[in-house]
Amino acid sequence: MQLEIKPLTKEAFAPYGDVIGTAESDFFLINNGSTRRYHDLAKVELLEGGRALINIFQATPLHYPLRIEMVERHPLGSQAFIPLSGRPYLIVVAKAGETAHTDDLEAFIAAPGLGINYHAGTWHHPVLALSDVSDFLVVDRGGDGDNCDEVHFENSDVFLSWP
């Protein structure tokens, strides 16, 4: 089965999380009018007493077509990816729940500069850089508790292709 890659839009991604970007977002001026503040673009979730972490991930492109063999989720908090390298990237997700199945997967392409925030519990493939090593600012939950579950798909017949 080949996953169809859809453009990333706020509406299409809403079941999984938030799209982070300035296009079509409201702003107000701060710093004596010299700065636009695009306010509250994503809901940061820190469940069960967690604390916010700010990280930089450097993602190496994988080889395509890619067999989708696993997804992960973070049940105790959201996880935001804000690209720093100005490159598009791919997203594979499934709705939050106790487990994920290959039939539940959807794929999106994020335009350069467009970030995402997975809601707590949303299943997703690890970050998928496309052409070069790509840096991402990542905001997620730290603190006590196990905040990463994985589901491995044995003998997966789901592939993600990229030109």
N, C-alpha and C. Protein backbone atom coordinates (compact mmCIF):
# COMPACT_ATOMS: atom_id res chain seq x y z
N MET A 1 0.85 -1.18 0.00
CA MET A 1 0.00 0.00 0.00
C MET A 1 0.90 1.24 0.00
N GLN A 2 0.60 2.16 -0.87
CA GLN A 2 1.34 3.41 -0.98
C GLN A 2 0.56 4.52 -0.28
N LEU A 3 1.19 5.22 0.67
CA LEU A 3 0.53 6.34 1.33
C LEU A 3 0.49 7.55 0.40
N GLU A 4 -0.67 8.16 0.29
CA GLU A 4 -0.81 9.40 -0.47
C GLU A 4 -0.29 10.54 0.40
N ILE A 5 0.56 11.38 -0.18
CA ILE A 5 1.11 12.53 0.56
C ILE A 5 0.25 13.75 0.24
N LYS A 6 -0.35 14.32 1.29
CA LYS A 6 -1.24 15.47 1.15
C LYS A 6 -0.52 16.74 1.59
N PRO A 7 -0.92 17.89 1.04
CA PRO A 7 -0.36 19.15 1.55
C PRO A 7 -0.78 19.36 3.00
N LEU A 8 0.13 19.90 3.80
CA LEU A 8 -0.16 20.18 5.20
C LEU A 8 -1.00 21.45 5.30
N THR A 9 -2.21 21.32 5.85
CA THR A 9 -3.08 22.47 6.11
C THR A 9 -3.61 22.35 7.54
N LYS A 10 -4.03 23.47 8.11
CA LYS A 10 -4.57 23.46 9.47
C LYS A 10 -5.77 22.54 9.56
N GLU A 11 -6.64 22.58 8.57
CA GLU A 11 -7.87 21.78 8.60
C GLU A 11 -7.55 20.29 8.51
N ALA A 12 -6.69 19.91 7.57
CA ALA A 12 -6.39 18.49 7.37
C ALA A 12 -5.63 17.89 8.56
N PHE A 13 -4.82 18.70 9.23
CA PHE A 13 -3.98 18.21 10.32
C PHE A 13 -4.66 18.31 11.69
N ALA A 14 -5.81 18.97 11.77
CA ALA A 14 -6.50 19.23 13.04
C ALA A 14 -6.73 17.97 13.90
N PRO A 15 -7.04 16.80 13.33
CA PRO A 15 -7.23 15.63 14.20
C PRO A 15 -5.96 15.19 14.93
N TYR A 16 -4.80 15.66 14.47
CA TYR A 16 -3.52 15.20 15.01
C TYR A 16 -2.79 16.26 15.83
N GLY A 17 -3.09 17.52 15.56
CA GLY A 17 -2.39 18.59 16.25
C GLY A 17 -2.57 19.93 15.57
N ASP A 18 -1.57 20.79 15.78
CA ASP A 18 -1.62 22.16 15.27
C ASP A 18 -0.57 22.37 14.18
N VAL A 19 -0.89 23.23 13.23
CA VAL A 19 0.10 23.68 12.24
C VAL A 19 0.63 25.02 12.74
N ILE A 20 1.94 25.16 12.74
CA ILE A 20 2.58 26.35 13.27
C ILE A 20 3.15 27.16 12.11
N GLY A 21 2.60 28.34 11.88
CA GLY A 21 3.07 29.21 10.81
C GLY A 21 2.37 30.55 10.88
N THR A 22 2.88 31.50 10.13
CA THR A 22 2.32 32.84 10.18
C THR A 22 1.26 33.10 9.11
N ALA A 23 1.26 32.32 8.04
CA ALA A 23 0.25 32.53 7.00
C ALA A 23 -1.14 32.31 7.59
N GLU A 24 -2.03 33.21 7.32
CA GLU A 24 -3.42 33.13 7.78
C GLU A 24 -3.55 33.14 9.30
N SER A 25 -2.54 33.60 10.01
CA SER A 25 -2.60 33.69 11.48
C SER A 25 -2.70 35.15 11.90
N ASP A 26 -3.48 35.38 12.95
CA ASP A 26 -3.62 36.73 13.48
C ASP A 26 -2.36 37.13 14.24
N PHE A 27 -2.10 38.43 14.26
CA PHE A 27 -0.96 38.94 15.01
C PHE A 27 -1.34 40.28 15.62
N PHE A 28 -0.51 40.72 16.57
CA PHE A 28 -0.61 42.08 17.07
C PHE A 28 0.81 42.62 17.22
N LEU A 29 0.91 43.93 17.22
CA LEU A 29 2.22 44.57 17.28
C LEU A 29 2.69 44.73 18.72
N ILE A 30 3.99 44.48 18.92
CA ILE A 30 4.63 44.69 20.22
C ILE A 30 5.94 45.44 19.97
N ASN A 31 6.67 45.73 21.03
CA ASN A 31 7.97 46.41 20.94
C ASN A 31 7.85 47.73 20.17
N ASN A 32 6.91 48.55 20.62
CA ASN A 32 6.68 49.86 20.01
C ASN A 32 6.37 49.78 18.51
N GLY A 33 5.69 48.69 18.13
CA GLY A 33 5.25 48.55 16.74
C GLY A 33 6.26 47.94 15.80
N SER A 34 7.43 47.52 16.30
CA SER A 34 8.46 47.00 15.40
C SER A 34 8.42 45.48 15.22
N THR A 35 7.53 44.80 15.96
CA THR A 35 7.51 43.34 15.93
C THR A 35 6.07 42.84 15.87
N ARG A 36 5.83 41.91 14.95
CA ARG A 36 4.54 41.22 14.90
C ARG A 36 4.61 40.00 15.82
N ARG A 37 3.63 39.86 16.69
CA ARG A 37 3.55 38.70 17.56
C ARG A 37 2.40 37.83 17.08
N TYR A 38 2.74 36.65 16.57
CA TYR A 38 1.77 35.63 16.19
C TYR A 38 1.57 34.79 17.44
N HIS A 39 0.49 35.03 18.13
CA HIS A 39 0.28 34.57 19.49
C HIS A 39 -0.47 33.24 19.55
N ASP A 40 -0.02 32.36 20.44
CA ASP A 40 -0.74 31.12 20.78
C ASP A 40 -1.00 30.25 19.55
N LEU A 41 0.06 29.91 18.82
CA LEU A 41 -0.06 29.15 17.58
C LEU A 41 -0.25 27.65 17.81
N ALA A 42 0.10 27.16 19.00
CA ALA A 42 -0.03 25.74 19.29
C ALA A 42 -0.29 25.54 20.77
N LYS A 43 -1.01 24.50 21.09
CA LYS A 43 -1.31 24.18 22.49
C LYS A 43 -0.24 23.25 23.03
N VAL A 44 0.62 23.77 23.90
CA VAL A 44 1.65 22.95 24.54
C VAL A 44 1.00 22.22 25.70
N GLU A 45 1.04 20.88 25.68
CA GLU A 45 0.43 20.06 26.71
C GLU A 45 1.52 19.43 27.58
N LEU A 46 1.44 19.68 28.88
CA LEU A 46 2.37 19.11 29.85
C LEU A 46 1.55 18.40 30.91
N LEU A 47 1.29 17.13 30.69
CA LEU A 47 0.41 16.37 31.57
C LEU A 47 1.19 15.75 32.72
N GLU A 48 0.50 15.51 33.81
CA GLU A 48 1.04 14.83 34.99
C GLU A 48 2.31 15.47 35.52
N GLY A 49 2.32 16.82 35.62
CA GLY A 49 3.41 17.52 36.28
C GLY A 49 4.69 17.63 35.50
N GLY A 50 4.65 17.52 34.21
CA GLY A 50 5.86 17.62 33.41
C GLY A 50 6.38 19.04 33.30
N ARG A 51 7.52 19.19 32.64
CA ARG A 51 8.10 20.50 32.38
C ARG A 51 8.44 20.59 30.91
N ALA A 52 8.48 21.81 30.40
CA ALA A 52 8.76 22.02 28.98
C ALA A 52 10.25 21.84 28.71
N LEU A 53 10.55 21.17 27.60
CA LEU A 53 11.91 21.02 27.10
C LEU A 53 12.01 21.73 25.75
N ILE A 54 13.12 22.38 25.50
CA ILE A 54 13.42 22.94 24.18
C ILE A 54 14.67 22.24 23.69
N ASN A 55 14.57 21.60 22.52
CA ASN A 55 15.63 20.78 21.96
C ASN A 55 15.88 21.18 20.51
N ILE A 56 17.01 20.77 19.98
CA ILE A 56 17.24 20.83 18.53
C ILE A 56 17.52 19.41 18.07
N PHE A 57 16.73 18.95 17.10
CA PHE A 57 16.93 17.64 16.48
C PHE A 57 17.59 17.88 15.12
N GLN A 58 18.58 17.08 14.76
CA GLN A 58 19.16 17.09 13.43
C GLN A 58 18.76 15.79 12.75
N ALA A 59 17.88 15.90 11.76
CA ALA A 59 17.32 14.72 11.09
C ALA A 59 18.06 14.45 9.78
N THR A 60 18.51 13.21 9.62
CA THR A 60 19.17 12.77 8.40
C THR A 60 18.13 12.15 7.48
N PRO A 61 18.15 12.51 6.19
CA PRO A 61 17.19 11.92 5.25
C PRO A 61 17.32 10.39 5.21
N LEU A 62 16.19 9.74 5.09
CA LEU A 62 16.16 8.29 4.92
C LEU A 62 16.03 7.98 3.43
N HIS A 63 16.05 6.70 3.09
CA HIS A 63 15.96 6.29 1.69
C HIS A 63 14.50 5.99 1.34
N TYR A 64 14.07 6.49 0.20
CA TYR A 64 12.70 6.31 -0.26
C TYR A 64 12.70 5.47 -1.52
N PRO A 65 11.69 4.60 -1.72
CA PRO A 65 10.50 4.47 -0.88
C PRO A 65 10.86 3.89 0.49
N LEU A 66 10.16 4.37 1.50
CA LEU A 66 10.40 4.01 2.89
C LEU A 66 9.28 3.10 3.37
N ARG A 67 9.65 1.94 3.89
CA ARG A 67 8.66 1.05 4.50
C ARG A 67 8.34 1.62 5.88
N ILE A 68 7.06 1.85 6.15
CA ILE A 68 6.65 2.37 7.46
C ILE A 68 6.51 1.18 8.40
N GLU A 69 7.49 1.05 9.30
CA GLU A 69 7.55 -0.11 10.17
C GLU A 69 7.19 0.19 11.62
N MET A 70 7.08 1.48 11.96
CA MET A 70 6.75 1.82 13.35
C MET A 70 6.24 3.24 13.44
N VAL A 71 5.51 3.50 14.52
CA VAL A 71 5.12 4.86 14.91
C VAL A 71 5.29 4.94 16.43
N GLU A 72 5.32 6.18 16.91
CA GLU A 72 5.45 6.41 18.35
C GLU A 72 4.42 7.45 18.77
N ARG A 73 4.22 7.55 20.08
CA ARG A 73 3.36 8.59 20.62
C ARG A 73 3.95 9.05 21.95
N HIS A 74 3.53 10.23 22.37
CA HIS A 74 3.96 10.81 23.64
C HIS A 74 2.69 11.07 24.46
N PRO A 75 2.30 10.12 25.34
CA PRO A 75 1.02 10.22 26.03
C PRO A 75 0.96 11.30 27.11
N LEU A 76 2.10 11.82 27.55
CA LEU A 76 2.11 12.77 28.65
C LEU A 76 2.36 14.21 28.21
N GLY A 77 2.37 14.46 26.90
CA GLY A 77 2.57 15.83 26.44
C GLY A 77 2.60 15.94 24.94
N SER A 78 2.45 17.16 24.49
CA SER A 78 2.52 17.45 23.06
C SER A 78 3.99 17.45 22.62
N GLN A 79 4.20 17.49 21.31
CA GLN A 79 5.56 17.59 20.77
C GLN A 79 5.50 18.44 19.51
N ALA A 80 6.21 19.57 19.54
CA ALA A 80 6.22 20.51 18.42
C ALA A 80 7.54 20.43 17.67
N PHE A 81 7.46 20.50 16.34
CA PHE A 81 8.62 20.53 15.46
C PHE A 81 8.56 21.82 14.65
N ILE A 82 9.54 22.68 14.81
CA ILE A 82 9.63 23.93 14.05
C ILE A 82 10.91 23.86 13.22
N PRO A 83 10.78 23.79 11.89
CA PRO A 83 11.97 23.63 11.05
C PRO A 83 12.86 24.86 11.10
N LEU A 84 14.16 24.63 11.18
CA LEU A 84 15.13 25.72 11.19
C LEU A 84 15.93 25.79 9.89
N SER A 85 15.82 24.77 9.05
CA SER A 85 16.67 24.67 7.86
C SER A 85 16.01 25.17 6.58
N GLY A 86 14.74 25.57 6.64
CA GLY A 86 14.08 26.08 5.44
C GLY A 86 13.85 25.04 4.37
N ARG A 87 13.61 23.80 4.77
CA ARG A 87 13.38 22.71 3.81
C ARG A 87 12.03 22.05 4.10
N PRO A 88 11.39 21.50 3.07
CA PRO A 88 10.18 20.72 3.32
C PRO A 88 10.54 19.41 4.04
N TYR A 89 9.54 18.80 4.66
CA TYR A 89 9.73 17.51 5.33
C TYR A 89 8.41 16.76 5.29
N LEU A 90 8.47 15.46 5.55
CA LEU A 90 7.28 14.62 5.51
C LEU A 90 6.81 14.29 6.93
N ILE A 91 5.50 14.04 7.04
CA ILE A 91 4.85 13.72 8.31
C ILE A 91 3.97 12.50 8.08
N VAL A 92 4.07 11.51 8.94
CA VAL A 92 3.18 10.35 8.91
C VAL A 92 2.54 10.27 10.29
N VAL A 93 1.20 10.24 10.33
CA VAL A 93 0.47 10.28 11.60
C VAL A 93 -0.71 9.31 11.61
N ALA A 94 -1.17 9.02 12.83
CA ALA A 94 -2.43 8.31 13.06
C ALA A 94 -3.04 8.93 14.32
N LYS A 95 -4.35 8.90 14.40
CA LYS A 95 -5.04 9.52 15.55
C LYS A 95 -4.65 8.87 16.87
N ALA A 96 -4.77 9.66 17.93
CA ALA A 96 -4.50 9.19 19.28
C ALA A 96 -5.42 8.03 19.62
N GLY A 97 -4.92 7.12 20.40
CA GLY A 97 -5.68 5.96 20.85
C GLY A 97 -4.72 4.99 21.52
N GLU A 98 -5.23 3.85 21.93
CA GLU A 98 -4.39 2.88 22.64
C GLU A 98 -3.33 2.26 21.74
N THR A 99 -3.62 2.14 20.45
CA THR A 99 -2.64 1.60 19.52
C THR A 99 -2.88 2.21 18.15
N ALA A 100 -2.01 1.91 17.22
CA ALA A 100 -2.14 2.40 15.84
C ALA A 100 -2.04 1.21 14.90
N HIS A 101 -2.68 1.34 13.76
CA HIS A 101 -2.65 0.31 12.72
C HIS A 101 -2.26 0.97 11.41
N THR A 102 -1.70 0.20 10.51
CA THR A 102 -1.26 0.76 9.23
C THR A 102 -2.42 1.37 8.45
N ASP A 103 -3.64 0.85 8.62
CA ASP A 103 -4.81 1.41 7.92
C ASP A 103 -5.15 2.82 8.40
N ASP A 104 -4.65 3.21 9.57
CA ASP A 104 -4.96 4.52 10.16
C ASP A 104 -4.00 5.62 9.72
N LEU A 105 -2.95 5.29 9.00
CA LEU A 105 -1.88 6.25 8.71
C LEU A 105 -2.27 7.25 7.63
N GLU A 106 -1.83 8.49 7.84
CA GLU A 106 -1.94 9.55 6.83
C GLU A 106 -0.58 10.20 6.69
N ALA A 107 -0.30 10.74 5.49
CA ALA A 107 0.98 11.40 5.24
C ALA A 107 0.76 12.81 4.72
N PHE A 108 1.64 13.72 5.16
CA PHE A 108 1.58 15.13 4.77
C PHE A 108 2.97 15.61 4.38
N ILE A 109 3.00 16.61 3.51
CA ILE A 109 4.24 17.32 3.20
C ILE A 109 4.12 18.72 3.79
N ALA A 110 5.12 19.10 4.58
CA ALA A 110 5.15 20.44 5.18
C ALA A 110 6.01 21.34 4.31
N ALA A 111 5.46 22.47 3.93
CA ALA A 111 6.21 23.46 3.16
C ALA A 111 7.34 24.02 4.01
N PRO A 112 8.39 24.54 3.39
CA PRO A 112 9.49 25.13 4.17
C PRO A 112 8.95 26.18 5.15
N GLY A 113 9.44 26.12 6.38
CA GLY A 113 9.06 27.09 7.39
C GLY A 113 7.79 26.78 8.15
N LEU A 114 7.07 25.74 7.76
CA LEU A 114 5.81 25.39 8.42
C LEU A 114 6.06 24.32 9.48
N GLY A 115 5.70 24.60 10.72
CA GLY A 115 5.90 23.66 11.81
C GLY A 115 4.64 22.93 12.19
N ILE A 116 4.79 21.94 13.06
CA ILE A 116 3.64 21.16 13.54
C ILE A 116 3.77 20.94 15.04
N ASN A 117 2.64 20.69 15.67
CA ASN A 117 2.59 20.35 17.09
C ASN A 117 1.66 19.15 17.23
N TYR A 118 2.23 17.98 17.55
CA TYR A 118 1.41 16.79 17.78
C TYR A 118 0.71 16.92 19.12
N HIS A 119 -0.60 16.69 19.15
CA HIS A 119 -1.31 16.64 20.42
C HIS A 119 -0.81 15.43 21.22
N ALA A 120 -0.94 15.50 22.54
CA ALA A 120 -0.56 14.37 23.39
C ALA A 120 -1.26 13.10 22.91
N GLY A 121 -0.49 12.03 22.75
CA GLY A 121 -1.05 10.75 22.36
C GLY A 121 -1.17 10.51 20.88
N THR A 122 -0.89 11.49 20.04
CA THR A 122 -0.98 11.31 18.58
C THR A 122 0.17 10.41 18.12
N TRP A 123 -0.18 9.37 17.37
CA TRP A 123 0.83 8.47 16.82
C TRP A 123 1.51 9.14 15.64
N HIS A 124 2.83 9.00 15.54
CA HIS A 124 3.56 9.61 14.43
C HIS A 124 4.86 8.87 14.17
N HIS A 125 5.30 8.94 12.95
CA HIS A 125 6.61 8.40 12.59
C HIS A 125 7.65 9.41 13.04
N PRO A 126 8.86 8.97 13.41
CA PRO A 126 9.92 9.94 13.70
C PRO A 126 10.12 10.89 12.52
N VAL A 127 10.67 12.06 12.80
CA VAL A 127 10.81 13.14 11.82
C VAL A 127 11.45 12.64 10.52
N LEU A 128 10.93 13.12 9.38
CA LEU A 128 11.35 12.64 8.06
C LEU A 128 11.90 13.78 7.21
N ALA A 129 13.21 14.01 7.32
CA ALA A 129 13.89 14.97 6.45
C ALA A 129 13.92 14.40 5.04
N LEU A 130 14.04 15.29 4.05
CA LEU A 130 13.97 14.83 2.66
C LEU A 130 15.28 14.89 1.89
N SER A 131 15.93 16.05 1.83
CA SER A 131 17.07 16.19 0.91
C SER A 131 18.42 16.30 1.60
N ASP A 132 18.50 17.00 2.70
CA ASP A 132 19.74 17.20 3.43
C ASP A 132 19.44 17.07 4.91
N VAL A 133 20.49 16.97 5.72
CA VAL A 133 20.30 17.00 7.16
C VAL A 133 19.54 18.27 7.49
N SER A 134 18.49 18.14 8.28
CA SER A 134 17.61 19.27 8.58
C SER A 134 17.48 19.44 10.09
N ASP A 135 17.58 20.68 10.55
CA ASP A 135 17.46 21.01 11.97
C ASP A 135 16.03 21.41 12.29
N PHE A 136 15.58 20.97 13.47
CA PHE A 136 14.25 21.30 13.98
C PHE A 136 14.37 21.74 15.43
N LEU A 137 13.71 22.85 15.77
CA LEU A 137 13.52 23.21 17.16
C LEU A 137 12.35 22.38 17.64
N VAL A 138 12.54 21.65 18.74
CA VAL A 138 11.51 20.74 19.24
C VAL A 138 11.14 21.14 20.66
N VAL A 139 9.84 21.33 20.89
CA VAL A 139 9.32 21.64 22.22
C VAL A 139 8.48 20.45 22.64
N ASP A 140 8.89 19.81 23.74
CA ASP A 140 8.11 18.68 24.23
C ASP A 140 8.20 18.59 25.75
N ARG A 141 7.70 17.49 26.29
CA ARG A 141 7.58 17.34 27.74
C ARG A 141 8.74 16.56 28.30
N GLY A 142 9.30 17.08 29.39
CA GLY A 142 10.28 16.36 30.18
C GLY A 142 9.71 16.11 31.56
N GLY A 143 10.50 15.50 32.42
CA GLY A 143 10.05 15.22 33.78
C GLY A 143 9.79 13.75 33.99
N ASP A 144 9.18 13.44 35.11
CA ASP A 144 8.92 12.05 35.48
C ASP A 144 7.89 11.41 34.55
N GLY A 145 7.98 10.10 34.46
CA GLY A 145 7.02 9.33 33.67
C GLY A 145 7.58 8.94 32.32
N ASP A 146 7.09 7.82 31.81
CA ASP A 146 7.50 7.33 30.50
C ASP A 146 6.64 7.99 29.45
N ASN A 147 7.24 8.82 28.63
CA ASN A 147 6.47 9.62 27.66
C ASN A 147 6.74 9.21 26.23
N CYS A 148 7.07 7.95 25.99
CA CYS A 148 7.21 7.49 24.61
C CYS A 148 6.79 6.03 24.52
N ASP A 149 5.74 5.79 23.73
CA ASP A 149 5.27 4.44 23.42
C ASP A 149 5.53 4.20 21.94
N GLU A 150 5.87 2.98 21.58
CA GLU A 150 6.09 2.62 20.18
C GLU A 150 5.20 1.45 19.78
N VAL A 151 4.76 1.47 18.52
CA VAL A 151 4.07 0.34 17.92
C VAL A 151 4.89 -0.05 16.69
N HIS A 152 5.26 -1.33 16.61
CA HIS A 152 6.01 -1.84 15.45
C HIS A 152 5.06 -2.67 14.60
N PHE A 153 5.09 -2.41 13.29
CA PHE A 153 4.22 -3.12 12.35
C PHE A 153 5.02 -4.26 11.72
N GLU A 154 4.73 -5.50 12.14
CA GLU A 154 5.42 -6.64 11.57
C GLU A 154 4.97 -6.84 10.12
N ASN A 155 5.93 -7.07 9.25
CA ASN A 155 5.65 -7.32 7.83
C ASN A 155 4.81 -6.22 7.19
N SER A 156 5.10 -4.98 7.52
CA SER A 156 4.34 -3.85 6.99
C SER A 156 4.42 -3.82 5.47
N ASP A 157 3.26 -3.56 4.85
CA ASP A 157 3.22 -3.38 3.40
C ASP A 157 2.88 -1.94 3.04
N VAL A 158 3.15 -1.01 3.97
CA VAL A 158 2.87 0.42 3.76
C VAL A 158 4.19 1.11 3.43
N PHE A 159 4.17 1.83 2.29
CA PHE A 159 5.37 2.53 1.82
C PHE A 159 5.06 4.00 1.62
N LEU A 160 6.09 4.80 1.80
CA LEU A 160 6.04 6.22 1.57
C LEU A 160 7.10 6.53 0.51
N SER A 161 6.66 7.05 -0.63
CA SER A 161 7.59 7.37 -1.72
C SER A 161 7.80 8.86 -1.81
N TRP A 162 8.98 9.22 -2.23
CA TRP A 162 9.31 10.62 -2.49
C TRP A 162 10.16 10.64 -3.75
N PRO A 163 9.83 11.58 -4.63
CA PRO A 163 10.57 11.60 -5.92
C PRO A 163 12.04 11.49 -5.71
